[in-house]
């Protein structure tokens, strides 16, 4: 049995825009770093997305992320974001990276982000120390939240054979479903023939 596809890796593919796709509820991680994307858009088709990497693109504004209500980790490092609108950030975020953007030099930048994102555990590769511990008794829920975060220690890369593997996997699924449908169709035809003979 093939494992369900939960990750899409499309880094370093000279992608200039995010087109509209059908809803892909099984996708939890989306890698789009090192492309030429200028605008965050059309991500509502990933309603269960938890990890999104858009590092190293040409994005100028944080926008259109509100539909991603389960998003835990967002990497927008090394883009062209000059002013950050924290209202556009999903409140579910636990990890946010805006390193290499002009907006990180705004007055009160860190305080503004922390005030807008109550569940944040790490900002710009720096852990949040003590800011949320005053409420007390949140260590167990914090451990549960950590389990939602994907592994972030390695570099963001994609194997050259990714698309070939993806094509083979999808083709295999399609062929298997086609065979099953054909077998069921033949079985029903045979059953209809038998009934017709009995009636005659």
N, C-alpha and C. Protein backbone atom coordinates (compact mmCIF):
# COMPACT_ATOMS: atom_id res chain seq x y z
N UNK A 1 0.84 -1.19 0.00
CA UNK A 1 0.00 0.00 0.00
C UNK A 1 0.88 1.24 0.00
N UNK A 2 0.54 2.18 -0.85
CA UNK A 2 1.28 3.43 -0.90
C UNK A 2 0.85 4.32 0.25
N UNK A 3 1.84 4.99 0.86
CA UNK A 3 1.52 5.91 1.94
C UNK A 3 0.82 7.14 1.38
N UNK A 4 -0.09 7.75 2.14
CA UNK A 4 -0.77 8.96 1.65
C UNK A 4 0.22 10.10 1.45
N UNK A 5 0.05 10.83 0.38
CA UNK A 5 0.94 11.95 0.07
C UNK A 5 0.56 13.12 0.95
N UNK A 6 1.47 13.57 1.83
CA UNK A 6 1.18 14.67 2.74
C UNK A 6 2.12 15.84 2.56
N UNK A 7 3.13 15.72 1.71
CA UNK A 7 4.12 16.77 1.51
C UNK A 7 4.28 17.07 0.02
N UNK A 8 4.32 18.34 -0.31
CA UNK A 8 4.62 18.76 -1.68
C UNK A 8 5.89 19.60 -1.65
N UNK A 9 6.87 19.21 -2.46
CA UNK A 9 8.14 19.95 -2.54
C UNK A 9 8.30 20.49 -3.96
N UNK A 10 8.30 21.82 -4.06
CA UNK A 10 8.43 22.49 -5.36
C UNK A 10 9.46 23.61 -5.25
N UNK A 11 10.55 23.37 -4.56
CA UNK A 11 11.56 24.41 -4.42
C UNK A 11 12.50 24.44 -5.63
N UNK A 12 13.01 25.64 -5.91
CA UNK A 12 13.99 25.84 -6.99
C UNK A 12 13.46 25.41 -8.36
N UNK A 13 12.19 25.75 -8.63
CA UNK A 13 11.58 25.37 -9.90
C UNK A 13 11.20 26.58 -10.75
N UNK A 14 11.73 27.77 -10.40
CA UNK A 14 11.44 29.01 -11.15
C UNK A 14 9.95 29.33 -11.21
N UNK A 15 9.23 28.98 -10.17
CA UNK A 15 7.80 29.26 -10.09
C UNK A 15 7.61 30.75 -9.80
N UNK A 16 6.78 31.41 -10.59
CA UNK A 16 6.57 32.85 -10.41
C UNK A 16 5.26 33.17 -9.71
N UNK A 17 4.32 32.25 -9.69
CA UNK A 17 3.04 32.50 -9.03
C UNK A 17 2.42 31.19 -8.57
N UNK A 18 1.56 31.29 -7.55
CA UNK A 18 0.86 30.13 -7.02
C UNK A 18 -0.51 30.08 -7.67
N UNK A 19 -0.71 29.13 -8.54
CA UNK A 19 -1.97 29.03 -9.27
C UNK A 19 -3.07 28.39 -8.44
N UNK A 20 -4.27 28.43 -8.96
CA UNK A 20 -5.42 27.83 -8.28
C UNK A 20 -5.39 26.32 -8.46
N UNK A 21 -5.64 25.61 -7.37
CA UNK A 21 -5.65 24.16 -7.38
C UNK A 21 -6.95 23.67 -6.77
N UNK A 22 -7.27 22.40 -7.03
CA UNK A 22 -8.42 21.82 -6.34
C UNK A 22 -8.02 21.60 -4.88
N UNK A 23 -9.00 21.43 -4.02
CA UNK A 23 -8.72 21.29 -2.60
C UNK A 23 -7.92 20.02 -2.33
N UNK A 24 -6.83 20.18 -1.58
CA UNK A 24 -5.94 19.07 -1.25
C UNK A 24 -5.84 18.98 0.27
N UNK A 25 -6.85 18.38 0.89
CA UNK A 25 -6.92 18.35 2.34
C UNK A 25 -5.89 17.47 3.01
N UNK A 26 -5.25 16.55 2.27
CA UNK A 26 -4.26 15.66 2.86
C UNK A 26 -2.87 16.29 2.97
N UNK A 27 -2.68 17.43 2.35
CA UNK A 27 -1.36 18.06 2.35
C UNK A 27 -1.13 18.81 3.66
N UNK A 28 -0.04 18.45 4.35
CA UNK A 28 0.31 19.09 5.61
C UNK A 28 1.54 19.99 5.48
N UNK A 29 2.41 19.72 4.52
CA UNK A 29 3.65 20.48 4.37
C UNK A 29 3.83 20.89 2.92
N UNK A 30 4.20 22.17 2.71
CA UNK A 30 4.36 22.70 1.36
C UNK A 30 5.66 23.49 1.29
N UNK A 31 6.57 23.05 0.41
CA UNK A 31 7.87 23.68 0.24
C UNK A 31 7.89 24.44 -1.10
N UNK A 32 8.01 25.75 -1.04
CA UNK A 32 8.06 26.58 -2.25
C UNK A 32 9.22 27.56 -2.20
N UNK A 33 10.26 27.24 -1.46
CA UNK A 33 11.38 28.17 -1.30
C UNK A 33 12.24 28.26 -2.55
N UNK A 34 13.00 29.37 -2.64
CA UNK A 34 13.94 29.60 -3.74
C UNK A 34 13.25 29.57 -5.10
N UNK A 35 12.15 30.28 -5.21
CA UNK A 35 11.47 30.47 -6.49
C UNK A 35 11.39 31.96 -6.80
N UNK A 36 10.44 32.36 -7.61
CA UNK A 36 10.29 33.77 -7.98
C UNK A 36 8.88 34.27 -7.64
N UNK A 37 8.31 33.71 -6.61
CA UNK A 37 6.94 34.03 -6.22
C UNK A 37 6.87 35.45 -5.64
N UNK A 38 5.94 36.25 -6.13
CA UNK A 38 5.81 37.63 -5.69
C UNK A 38 4.62 37.86 -4.76
N UNK A 39 3.67 36.92 -4.74
CA UNK A 39 2.46 37.13 -3.96
C UNK A 39 2.00 35.83 -3.31
N UNK A 40 1.58 35.93 -2.05
CA UNK A 40 0.99 34.78 -1.36
C UNK A 40 -0.49 34.73 -1.73
N UNK A 41 -0.88 33.65 -2.40
CA UNK A 41 -2.26 33.55 -2.86
C UNK A 41 -2.63 32.10 -3.13
N UNK A 42 -3.93 31.85 -3.22
CA UNK A 42 -4.48 30.54 -3.63
C UNK A 42 -4.02 29.38 -2.74
N UNK A 43 -3.82 29.65 -1.45
CA UNK A 43 -3.42 28.59 -0.54
C UNK A 43 -4.59 28.00 0.24
N UNK A 44 -5.79 28.53 0.01
CA UNK A 44 -6.97 28.01 0.68
C UNK A 44 -7.31 26.58 0.30
N UNK A 45 -6.69 26.09 -0.78
CA UNK A 45 -6.92 24.70 -1.20
C UNK A 45 -6.17 23.71 -0.31
N UNK A 46 -5.36 24.23 0.63
CA UNK A 46 -4.65 23.37 1.59
C UNK A 46 -5.19 23.64 3.00
N UNK A 47 -6.43 23.28 3.29
CA UNK A 47 -7.06 23.67 4.56
C UNK A 47 -6.39 23.09 5.79
N UNK A 48 -5.64 22.00 5.64
CA UNK A 48 -4.99 21.36 6.79
C UNK A 48 -3.49 21.58 6.81
N UNK A 49 -3.02 22.57 6.07
CA UNK A 49 -1.58 22.84 6.00
C UNK A 49 -1.04 23.23 7.37
N UNK A 50 0.08 22.60 7.75
CA UNK A 50 0.72 22.89 9.03
C UNK A 50 2.10 23.53 8.87
N UNK A 51 2.75 23.28 7.75
CA UNK A 51 4.10 23.82 7.52
C UNK A 51 4.16 24.43 6.12
N UNK A 52 4.62 25.68 6.05
CA UNK A 52 4.70 26.38 4.77
C UNK A 52 6.05 27.09 4.69
N UNK A 53 6.81 26.78 3.65
CA UNK A 53 8.10 27.43 3.43
C UNK A 53 8.06 28.22 2.12
N UNK A 54 8.21 29.54 2.24
CA UNK A 54 8.25 30.44 1.09
C UNK A 54 9.53 31.27 1.12
N UNK A 55 10.57 30.75 1.73
CA UNK A 55 11.82 31.48 1.87
C UNK A 55 12.47 31.72 0.51
N UNK A 56 13.18 32.84 0.41
CA UNK A 56 13.96 33.11 -0.79
C UNK A 56 13.14 33.38 -2.02
N UNK A 57 12.01 34.07 -1.88
CA UNK A 57 11.20 34.47 -3.01
C UNK A 57 11.22 36.00 -3.16
N UNK A 58 10.18 36.55 -3.77
CA UNK A 58 10.12 38.00 -4.00
C UNK A 58 8.86 38.60 -3.38
N UNK A 59 8.41 37.99 -2.31
CA UNK A 59 7.17 38.40 -1.66
C UNK A 59 7.35 39.74 -0.95
N UNK A 60 6.40 40.66 -1.15
CA UNK A 60 6.49 41.99 -0.56
C UNK A 60 5.49 42.20 0.58
N UNK A 61 4.45 41.37 0.64
CA UNK A 61 3.42 41.52 1.67
C UNK A 61 3.02 40.18 2.25
N UNK A 62 2.72 40.18 3.54
CA UNK A 62 2.13 39.00 4.17
C UNK A 62 0.62 39.14 4.01
N UNK A 63 0.01 38.20 3.29
CA UNK A 63 -1.42 38.30 3.01
C UNK A 63 -1.98 36.93 2.65
N UNK A 64 -3.31 36.82 2.71
CA UNK A 64 -4.04 35.63 2.26
C UNK A 64 -3.65 34.35 3.00
N UNK A 65 -3.28 34.49 4.27
CA UNK A 65 -2.92 33.32 5.07
C UNK A 65 -4.00 32.95 6.08
N UNK A 66 -5.03 33.77 6.22
CA UNK A 66 -6.05 33.52 7.22
C UNK A 66 -6.80 32.19 7.04
N UNK A 67 -7.01 31.71 5.79
CA UNK A 67 -7.69 30.41 5.65
C UNK A 67 -6.90 29.23 6.23
N UNK A 68 -5.61 29.42 6.49
CA UNK A 68 -4.77 28.33 6.99
C UNK A 68 -4.83 28.30 8.52
N UNK A 69 -5.95 27.83 9.04
CA UNK A 69 -6.19 27.90 10.48
C UNK A 69 -5.39 26.88 11.29
N UNK A 70 -4.75 25.93 10.61
CA UNK A 70 -3.95 24.92 11.32
C UNK A 70 -2.45 25.15 11.13
N UNK A 71 -2.06 26.24 10.49
CA UNK A 71 -0.65 26.47 10.17
C UNK A 71 0.15 26.66 11.45
N UNK A 72 1.19 25.84 11.63
CA UNK A 72 2.05 25.91 12.81
C UNK A 72 3.39 26.58 12.51
N UNK A 73 3.94 26.36 11.34
CA UNK A 73 5.26 26.87 11.01
C UNK A 73 5.23 27.60 9.67
N UNK A 74 5.77 28.83 9.66
CA UNK A 74 5.79 29.66 8.45
C UNK A 74 7.17 30.25 8.27
N UNK A 75 7.81 29.93 7.15
CA UNK A 75 9.14 30.47 6.83
C UNK A 75 9.02 31.42 5.66
N UNK A 76 9.17 32.71 5.95
CA UNK A 76 9.14 33.76 4.92
C UNK A 76 10.47 34.50 4.89
N UNK A 77 11.52 33.85 5.33
CA UNK A 77 12.83 34.50 5.39
C UNK A 77 13.35 34.86 4.00
N UNK A 78 14.13 35.93 3.95
CA UNK A 78 14.81 36.37 2.72
C UNK A 78 13.83 36.64 1.58
N UNK A 79 12.83 37.45 1.90
CA UNK A 79 11.93 37.98 0.89
C UNK A 79 12.09 39.50 0.85
N UNK A 80 11.05 40.20 0.43
CA UNK A 80 11.15 41.66 0.28
C UNK A 80 10.04 42.36 1.07
N UNK A 81 9.73 41.82 2.25
CA UNK A 81 8.66 42.36 3.09
C UNK A 81 9.19 43.55 3.88
N UNK A 82 8.68 44.73 3.60
CA UNK A 82 9.16 45.93 4.27
C UNK A 82 8.33 46.28 5.49
N UNK A 83 7.02 46.08 5.42
CA UNK A 83 6.13 46.37 6.54
C UNK A 83 5.31 45.12 6.83
N UNK A 84 5.28 44.73 8.11
CA UNK A 84 4.57 43.52 8.50
C UNK A 84 3.20 43.88 9.09
N UNK A 85 2.15 43.29 8.52
CA UNK A 85 0.81 43.42 9.06
C UNK A 85 0.51 42.15 9.84
N UNK A 86 0.60 42.21 11.16
CA UNK A 86 0.43 41.01 11.97
C UNK A 86 -0.99 40.47 11.91
N UNK A 87 -1.96 41.29 11.50
CA UNK A 87 -3.34 40.81 11.38
C UNK A 87 -3.48 39.74 10.30
N UNK A 88 -2.51 39.67 9.40
CA UNK A 88 -2.56 38.70 8.31
C UNK A 88 -1.94 37.35 8.70
N UNK A 89 -1.38 37.25 9.90
CA UNK A 89 -0.74 36.02 10.34
C UNK A 89 -1.74 35.13 11.07
N UNK A 90 -1.81 33.85 10.73
CA UNK A 90 -2.69 32.93 11.45
C UNK A 90 -2.31 32.84 12.93
N UNK A 91 -3.28 32.87 13.81
CA UNK A 91 -3.01 32.84 15.26
C UNK A 91 -2.50 31.48 15.72
N UNK A 92 -2.58 30.49 14.86
CA UNK A 92 -2.11 29.15 15.21
C UNK A 92 -0.60 28.99 15.11
N UNK A 93 0.11 30.00 14.59
CA UNK A 93 1.55 29.88 14.35
C UNK A 93 2.33 29.63 15.65
N UNK A 94 3.24 28.66 15.56
CA UNK A 94 4.16 28.38 16.66
C UNK A 94 5.60 28.72 16.28
N UNK A 95 5.86 28.74 14.99
CA UNK A 95 7.19 29.08 14.51
C UNK A 95 7.05 30.04 13.34
N UNK A 96 7.79 31.16 13.41
CA UNK A 96 7.75 32.17 12.34
C UNK A 96 9.16 32.65 12.07
N UNK A 97 9.54 32.67 10.80
CA UNK A 97 10.86 33.16 10.41
C UNK A 97 10.73 34.23 9.33
N UNK A 98 11.12 35.44 9.69
CA UNK A 98 11.11 36.57 8.75
C UNK A 98 12.52 37.14 8.60
N UNK A 99 13.50 36.36 8.94
CA UNK A 99 14.89 36.79 8.81
C UNK A 99 15.19 37.26 7.39
N UNK A 100 15.95 38.35 7.27
CA UNK A 100 16.33 38.83 5.95
C UNK A 100 15.31 39.72 5.29
N UNK A 101 14.25 40.12 6.02
CA UNK A 101 13.25 41.05 5.52
C UNK A 101 13.42 42.40 6.22
N UNK A 102 13.11 43.47 5.51
CA UNK A 102 13.24 44.80 6.07
C UNK A 102 12.31 45.01 7.27
N UNK A 103 11.19 44.30 7.30
CA UNK A 103 10.21 44.49 8.37
C UNK A 103 10.76 44.14 9.75
N UNK A 104 11.82 43.34 9.81
CA UNK A 104 12.38 42.96 11.11
C UNK A 104 13.06 44.14 11.80
N UNK A 105 13.26 45.25 11.07
CA UNK A 105 13.89 46.45 11.64
C UNK A 105 12.86 47.47 12.10
N UNK A 106 11.56 47.13 12.01
CA UNK A 106 10.52 48.03 12.51
C UNK A 106 10.68 48.25 14.01
N UNK A 107 10.32 49.42 14.50
CA UNK A 107 10.33 49.68 15.93
C UNK A 107 9.33 48.75 16.62
N UNK A 108 9.80 48.07 17.65
CA UNK A 108 8.93 47.18 18.41
C UNK A 108 8.49 45.95 17.65
N UNK A 109 9.27 45.56 16.65
CA UNK A 109 8.90 44.43 15.79
C UNK A 109 8.63 43.16 16.60
N UNK A 110 9.56 42.77 17.45
CA UNK A 110 9.41 41.51 18.19
C UNK A 110 8.21 41.56 19.13
N UNK A 111 8.03 42.66 19.84
CA UNK A 111 6.90 42.80 20.76
C UNK A 111 5.58 42.75 20.00
N UNK A 112 5.55 43.36 18.83
CA UNK A 112 4.33 43.37 18.01
C UNK A 112 3.94 41.96 17.58
N UNK A 113 4.94 41.18 17.15
CA UNK A 113 4.67 39.82 16.71
C UNK A 113 4.22 38.94 17.88
N UNK A 114 4.90 39.05 19.01
CA UNK A 114 4.56 38.24 20.18
C UNK A 114 3.15 38.55 20.69
N UNK A 115 2.77 39.81 20.62
CA UNK A 115 1.43 40.19 21.06
C UNK A 115 0.35 39.63 20.14
N UNK A 116 0.68 39.49 18.85
CA UNK A 116 -0.30 39.01 17.87
C UNK A 116 -0.39 37.50 17.81
N UNK A 117 0.68 36.79 18.24
CA UNK A 117 0.72 35.33 18.10
C UNK A 117 0.93 34.69 19.47
N UNK A 118 -0.15 34.38 20.18
CA UNK A 118 -0.04 33.87 21.56
C UNK A 118 0.59 32.49 21.68
N UNK A 119 0.60 31.70 20.60
CA UNK A 119 1.14 30.34 20.67
C UNK A 119 2.58 30.24 20.17
N UNK A 120 3.18 31.37 19.83
CA UNK A 120 4.51 31.36 19.21
C UNK A 120 5.58 30.80 20.16
N UNK A 121 6.38 29.87 19.64
CA UNK A 121 7.47 29.27 20.39
C UNK A 121 8.83 29.72 19.88
N UNK A 122 8.90 30.15 18.61
CA UNK A 122 10.18 30.55 18.04
C UNK A 122 9.96 31.64 17.00
N UNK A 123 10.77 32.70 17.07
CA UNK A 123 10.69 33.80 16.12
C UNK A 123 12.07 34.08 15.55
N UNK A 124 12.18 34.01 14.22
CA UNK A 124 13.44 34.29 13.52
C UNK A 124 14.59 33.46 14.09
N UNK A 125 14.33 32.16 14.24
CA UNK A 125 15.32 31.18 14.72
C UNK A 125 15.72 31.40 16.17
N UNK A 126 15.00 32.27 16.89
CA UNK A 126 15.28 32.51 18.31
C UNK A 126 14.09 32.02 19.14
N UNK A 127 14.35 31.15 20.12
CA UNK A 127 13.24 30.67 20.96
C UNK A 127 12.65 31.80 21.80
N UNK A 128 11.36 31.64 22.12
CA UNK A 128 10.69 32.60 22.98
C UNK A 128 10.94 32.18 24.42
N UNK A 129 11.66 33.01 25.19
CA UNK A 129 12.02 32.67 26.56
C UNK A 129 11.16 33.44 27.55
N UNK A 130 10.31 32.70 28.28
CA UNK A 130 9.64 33.28 29.43
C UNK A 130 8.51 34.24 29.16
N UNK A 131 8.32 34.69 27.91
CA UNK A 131 7.29 35.69 27.66
C UNK A 131 5.90 35.20 28.02
N UNK A 132 5.66 33.88 27.84
CA UNK A 132 4.31 33.35 28.07
C UNK A 132 4.24 32.47 29.31
N UNK A 133 5.32 32.41 30.12
CA UNK A 133 5.34 31.52 31.27
C UNK A 133 4.67 32.13 32.48
N UNK A 134 4.37 33.45 32.45
CA UNK A 134 3.77 34.10 33.60
C UNK A 134 2.41 33.52 33.93
N UNK A 135 1.68 33.04 32.96
CA UNK A 135 0.37 32.42 33.20
C UNK A 135 0.49 31.11 33.94
N UNK A 136 1.65 30.42 33.80
CA UNK A 136 1.94 29.20 34.55
C UNK A 136 1.16 28.00 34.05
N UNK A 137 1.73 26.80 34.32
CA UNK A 137 1.03 25.55 34.08
C UNK A 137 0.76 25.24 32.63
N UNK A 138 1.60 25.71 31.70
CA UNK A 138 1.33 25.47 30.28
C UNK A 138 2.33 24.53 29.65
N UNK A 139 3.15 23.85 30.46
CA UNK A 139 4.22 23.03 29.89
C UNK A 139 3.66 21.83 29.14
N UNK A 140 2.59 21.20 29.65
CA UNK A 140 2.06 20.01 28.98
C UNK A 140 1.47 20.36 27.63
N UNK A 141 0.71 21.47 27.56
CA UNK A 141 0.13 21.86 26.28
C UNK A 141 1.21 22.27 25.31
N UNK A 142 2.31 22.85 25.84
CA UNK A 142 3.42 23.24 24.98
C UNK A 142 4.08 22.01 24.36
N UNK A 143 4.24 20.95 25.17
CA UNK A 143 4.82 19.71 24.63
C UNK A 143 3.93 19.13 23.54
N UNK A 144 2.60 19.21 23.74
CA UNK A 144 1.68 18.71 22.72
C UNK A 144 1.80 19.52 21.44
N UNK A 145 1.97 20.84 21.57
CA UNK A 145 2.11 21.68 20.39
C UNK A 145 3.39 21.36 19.65
N UNK A 146 4.48 21.05 20.41
CA UNK A 146 5.75 20.74 19.76
C UNK A 146 5.63 19.54 18.83
N UNK A 147 4.75 18.59 19.19
CA UNK A 147 4.60 17.40 18.37
C UNK A 147 4.02 17.71 17.00
N UNK A 148 3.33 18.84 16.88
CA UNK A 148 2.72 19.20 15.61
C UNK A 148 3.74 19.74 14.62
N UNK A 149 4.88 20.22 15.16
CA UNK A 149 5.85 20.85 14.28
C UNK A 149 6.65 19.81 13.52
N UNK A 150 6.83 19.98 12.22
CA UNK A 150 7.66 19.04 11.45
C UNK A 150 9.13 19.26 11.75
N UNK A 151 9.97 18.33 11.34
CA UNK A 151 11.41 18.44 11.54
C UNK A 151 11.97 19.60 10.72
N UNK A 152 12.70 20.51 11.40
CA UNK A 152 13.19 21.71 10.72
C UNK A 152 14.71 21.82 10.74
N UNK A 153 15.41 20.77 11.23
CA UNK A 153 16.84 20.90 11.44
C UNK A 153 17.65 20.88 10.15
N UNK A 154 17.17 20.19 9.11
CA UNK A 154 17.94 20.06 7.88
C UNK A 154 17.66 21.15 6.88
N UNK A 155 18.49 21.26 5.86
CA UNK A 155 18.24 22.26 4.81
C UNK A 155 17.02 21.89 3.98
N UNK A 156 16.39 22.90 3.38
CA UNK A 156 15.22 22.66 2.54
C UNK A 156 15.69 22.28 1.15
N UNK A 157 15.56 21.01 0.83
CA UNK A 157 16.00 20.55 -0.48
C UNK A 157 14.97 19.59 -1.04
N UNK A 158 15.08 19.34 -2.35
CA UNK A 158 14.20 18.38 -2.98
C UNK A 158 15.04 17.52 -3.91
N UNK A 159 14.79 16.22 -3.89
CA UNK A 159 15.50 15.32 -4.78
C UNK A 159 15.09 15.57 -6.23
N UNK A 160 16.05 15.42 -7.12
CA UNK A 160 15.75 15.63 -8.55
C UNK A 160 14.71 14.65 -9.06
N UNK A 161 14.64 13.48 -8.41
CA UNK A 161 13.68 12.48 -8.86
C UNK A 161 12.32 12.60 -8.22
N UNK A 162 12.10 13.70 -7.49
CA UNK A 162 10.82 13.86 -6.78
C UNK A 162 9.64 13.79 -7.73
N UNK A 163 9.70 14.55 -8.84
CA UNK A 163 8.57 14.61 -9.76
C UNK A 163 8.34 13.28 -10.44
N UNK A 164 9.43 12.57 -10.76
CA UNK A 164 9.28 11.24 -11.35
C UNK A 164 8.62 10.28 -10.36
N UNK A 165 9.05 10.35 -9.08
CA UNK A 165 8.44 9.49 -8.06
C UNK A 165 6.98 9.83 -7.85
N UNK A 166 6.68 11.14 -7.84
CA UNK A 166 5.30 11.57 -7.65
C UNK A 166 4.43 11.09 -8.81
N UNK A 167 4.97 11.21 -10.03
CA UNK A 167 4.21 10.77 -11.21
C UNK A 167 3.96 9.27 -11.15
N UNK A 168 4.98 8.50 -10.75
CA UNK A 168 4.81 7.04 -10.66
C UNK A 168 3.77 6.68 -9.59
N UNK A 169 3.82 7.39 -8.47
CA UNK A 169 2.87 7.10 -7.39
C UNK A 169 1.44 7.38 -7.82
N UNK A 170 1.23 8.54 -8.43
CA UNK A 170 -0.12 8.90 -8.87
C UNK A 170 -0.59 7.98 -9.98
N UNK A 171 0.33 7.63 -10.90
CA UNK A 171 -0.03 6.72 -11.99
C UNK A 171 -0.39 5.34 -11.44
N UNK A 172 0.36 4.90 -10.43
CA UNK A 172 0.06 3.60 -9.83
C UNK A 172 -1.29 3.58 -9.17
N UNK A 173 -1.62 4.66 -8.47
CA UNK A 173 -2.94 4.74 -7.83
C UNK A 173 -4.05 4.72 -8.87
N UNK A 174 -3.86 5.50 -9.93
CA UNK A 174 -4.88 5.58 -10.98
C UNK A 174 -5.09 4.23 -11.64
N UNK A 175 -3.99 3.52 -11.93
CA UNK A 175 -4.10 2.21 -12.58
C UNK A 175 -4.77 1.20 -11.66
N UNK A 176 -4.46 1.26 -10.36
CA UNK A 176 -5.08 0.33 -9.43
C UNK A 176 -6.59 0.56 -9.34
N UNK A 177 -6.97 1.84 -9.26
CA UNK A 177 -8.39 2.16 -9.20
C UNK A 177 -9.10 1.78 -10.49
N UNK A 178 -8.42 1.95 -11.61
CA UNK A 178 -9.00 1.60 -12.91
C UNK A 178 -9.24 0.09 -13.00
N UNK A 179 -8.25 -0.69 -12.52
CA UNK A 179 -8.41 -2.15 -12.54
C UNK A 179 -9.58 -2.59 -11.65
N UNK A 180 -9.66 -1.98 -10.45
CA UNK A 180 -10.74 -2.35 -9.54
C UNK A 180 -12.10 -2.00 -10.13
N UNK A 181 -12.19 -0.82 -10.75
CA UNK A 181 -13.45 -0.41 -11.36
C UNK A 181 -13.83 -1.33 -12.51
N UNK A 182 -12.84 -1.71 -13.32
CA UNK A 182 -13.09 -2.59 -14.46
C UNK A 182 -13.54 -3.97 -14.00
N UNK A 183 -12.91 -4.49 -12.94
CA UNK A 183 -13.30 -5.80 -12.41
C UNK A 183 -14.74 -5.77 -11.88
N UNK A 184 -15.07 -4.68 -11.17
CA UNK A 184 -16.42 -4.55 -10.64
C UNK A 184 -17.43 -4.45 -11.78
N UNK A 185 -17.07 -3.70 -12.82
CA UNK A 185 -17.96 -3.55 -13.97
C UNK A 185 -18.20 -4.90 -14.65
N UNK A 186 -17.13 -5.68 -14.84
CA UNK A 186 -17.26 -6.98 -15.48
C UNK A 186 -18.12 -7.92 -14.63
N UNK A 187 -17.94 -7.87 -13.30
CA UNK A 187 -18.73 -8.72 -12.42
C UNK A 187 -20.22 -8.39 -12.53
N UNK A 188 -20.52 -7.12 -12.62
CA UNK A 188 -21.93 -6.71 -12.74
C UNK A 188 -22.51 -7.12 -14.09
N UNK A 189 -21.70 -7.01 -15.15
CA UNK A 189 -22.17 -7.45 -16.47
C UNK A 189 -22.47 -8.94 -16.47
N UNK A 190 -21.58 -9.72 -15.83
CA UNK A 190 -21.80 -11.16 -15.77
C UNK A 190 -23.07 -11.49 -14.99
N UNK A 191 -23.29 -10.74 -13.90
CA UNK A 191 -24.49 -10.95 -13.11
C UNK A 191 -25.74 -10.62 -13.92
N UNK A 192 -25.69 -9.55 -14.71
CA UNK A 192 -26.83 -9.18 -15.55
C UNK A 192 -27.10 -10.23 -16.62
N UNK A 193 -26.02 -10.79 -17.19
CA UNK A 193 -26.19 -11.84 -18.20
C UNK A 193 -26.89 -13.07 -17.59
N UNK A 194 -26.46 -13.45 -16.39
CA UNK A 194 -27.04 -14.62 -15.74
C UNK A 194 -28.52 -14.40 -15.45
N UNK A 195 -28.86 -13.22 -14.98
CA UNK A 195 -30.27 -12.92 -14.71
C UNK A 195 -31.10 -12.93 -15.99
N UNK A 196 -30.50 -12.42 -17.08
CA UNK A 196 -31.21 -12.37 -18.36
C UNK A 196 -31.49 -13.78 -18.86
N UNK A 197 -30.49 -14.67 -18.71
CA UNK A 197 -30.67 -16.06 -19.14
C UNK A 197 -31.76 -16.75 -18.34
N UNK A 198 -31.80 -16.46 -17.04
CA UNK A 198 -32.83 -17.06 -16.19
C UNK A 198 -34.21 -16.58 -16.61
N UNK A 199 -34.32 -15.28 -16.90
CA UNK A 199 -35.61 -14.73 -17.30
C UNK A 199 -36.07 -15.29 -18.64
N UNK A 200 -35.11 -15.50 -19.57
CA UNK A 200 -35.45 -16.05 -20.88
C UNK A 200 -35.82 -17.52 -20.79
